[in-house]
Amino acid sequence: MNMNNLMKQAQQMQAKLAMLQNELNEREVEASAGGGVVKVKVNGKQQVLSIVISKECVDPNDVATLEELVLTAVNQALKQSQEMVQQAMSKVTGGMNIPGMF
């Protein structure tokens, strides 16, 4: 391969990665805990978009359980979002791990 072809391929990959990044910013995943009484929605940028807490799990005498449910749902949603990003990235990069990407 000559240098021009290599540069062209790098530019194409860069353009694909930029498009993918924009697409992933719009994708959302949702996770729940406690049988669905706590739901968390996260996007591809690992930003928490919403937390929905069912009234039935709000007990002022047991705040610790609610905190645990929220923590579990947030961590699950973040993990799902990270996996979504990794899978999408591997399709574009052919499985190469490019430091600093996402």
Protein backbone atom coordinates (compact mmCIF):
# COMPACT_ATOMS: atom_id res chain seq x y z
CA MET A 1 0.00 0.00 0.00
CA ASN A 2 1.17 3.44 -0.73
CA MET A 3 0.85 6.36 1.62
CA ASN A 4 -2.05 7.97 -0.30
CA ASN A 5 -4.18 4.83 0.02
CA LEU A 6 -3.39 4.58 3.71
CA MET A 7 -4.35 8.21 4.28
CA LYS A 8 -7.56 7.75 2.30
CA GLN A 9 -8.51 4.70 4.38
CA ALA A 10 -7.75 6.58 7.61
CA GLN A 11 -9.97 9.48 6.50
CA GLN A 12 -12.79 7.09 5.58
CA MET A 13 -12.56 5.40 8.98
CA GLN A 14 -12.51 8.78 10.70
CA ALA A 15 -15.67 9.82 8.83
CA LYS A 16 -17.40 6.53 9.73
CA LEU A 17 -16.41 6.95 13.38
CA ALA A 18 -17.79 10.51 13.46
CA MET A 19 -21.10 9.32 11.99
CA LEU A 20 -21.22 6.45 14.46
CA GLN A 21 -20.53 8.76 17.38
CA ASN A 22 -23.45 10.98 16.38
CA GLU A 23 -25.69 7.93 15.98
CA LEU A 24 -24.67 6.51 19.37
CA ASN A 25 -25.40 9.82 21.06
CA GLU A 26 -29.02 9.35 19.95
CA ARG A 27 -29.33 5.67 20.95
CA GLU A 28 -30.80 4.84 24.34
CA VAL A 29 -30.85 1.79 26.58
CA GLU A 30 -33.07 1.15 29.57
CA ALA A 31 -32.43 -1.00 32.61
CA SER A 32 -34.59 -1.75 35.58
CA ALA A 33 -34.28 -3.11 39.10
CA GLY A 34 -36.67 -4.61 41.61
CA GLY A 35 -38.88 -6.15 38.97
CA GLY A 36 -39.27 -2.84 37.15
CA VAL A 37 -40.03 -0.54 40.07
CA VAL A 38 -36.94 1.51 39.22
CA LYS A 39 -36.12 2.24 35.56
CA VAL A 40 -33.11 4.13 34.23
CA LYS A 41 -32.55 5.34 30.68
CA VAL A 42 -29.00 6.08 29.42
CA ASN A 43 -27.68 7.20 26.03
CA GLY A 44 -24.57 6.19 24.09
CA LYS A 45 -22.57 8.95 25.79
CA GLN A 46 -23.21 7.22 29.13
CA GLN A 47 -25.42 10.09 30.25
CA VAL A 48 -28.36 9.24 32.49
CA LEU A 49 -31.42 10.60 30.69
CA SER A 50 -34.14 9.61 33.12
CA ILE A 51 -34.89 7.74 36.31
CA VAL A 52 -38.42 6.53 36.95
CA ILE A 53 -39.30 5.31 40.44
CA SER A 54 -42.60 3.55 41.05
CA LYS A 55 -44.58 4.90 44.01
CA GLU A 56 -44.91 1.40 45.45
CA CYS A 57 -41.21 1.20 46.25
CA VAL A 58 -41.00 4.55 48.05
CA ASP A 59 -40.95 3.82 51.77
CA PRO A 60 -39.65 6.64 53.97
CA ASN A 61 -38.71 4.03 56.57
CA ASP A 62 -36.56 2.06 54.11
CA VAL A 63 -34.57 4.55 52.06
CA ALA A 64 -31.62 2.13 51.83
CA THR A 65 -33.57 -0.31 49.66
CA LEU A 66 -34.61 2.46 47.27
CA GLU A 67 -31.02 3.70 47.06
CA GLU A 68 -29.83 0.17 46.26
CA LEU A 69 -32.47 -0.25 43.55
CA VAL A 70 -31.51 3.06 41.93
CA LEU A 71 -27.81 2.23 42.10
CA THR A 72 -28.40 -1.21 40.56
CA ALA A 73 -30.52 0.16 37.71
CA VAL A 74 -28.05 2.98 36.94
CA ASN A 75 -25.08 0.61 36.87
CA GLN A 76 -26.96 -1.85 34.65
CA ALA A 77 -27.97 0.88 32.21
CA LEU A 78 -24.42 2.25 32.04
CA LYS A 79 -23.05 -1.24 31.40
CA GLN A 80 -25.58 -1.84 28.62
CA SER A 81 -24.70 1.52 27.06
CA GLN A 82 -20.98 0.73 27.16
CA GLU A 83 -21.58 -2.67 25.56
CA MET A 84 -23.71 -1.05 22.87
CA VAL A 85 -20.91 1.41 22.08
CA GLN A 86 -18.24 -1.32 22.02
CA GLN A 87 -20.27 -3.50 19.66
CA ALA A 88 -20.95 -0.61 17.30
CA MET A 89 -17.32 0.48 17.38
CA SER A 90 -16.00 -3.00 16.62
CA LYS A 91 -18.15 -3.09 13.48
CA VAL A 92 -16.48 0.08 12.21
CA THR A 93 -12.94 -0.63 13.37
CA GLY A 94 -12.94 -4.33 12.56
CA GLY A 95 -12.32 -5.16 16.21
CA MET A 96 -9.27 -2.91 16.58
CA ASN A 97 -9.13 -1.15 19.92
CA ILE A 98 -8.36 2.50 19.18
CA PRO A 99 -7.36 4.37 22.35
CA GLY A 100 -9.28 7.56 22.99
CA MET A 101 -12.30 6.55 20.95
CA PHE A 102 -15.46 6.64 23.05
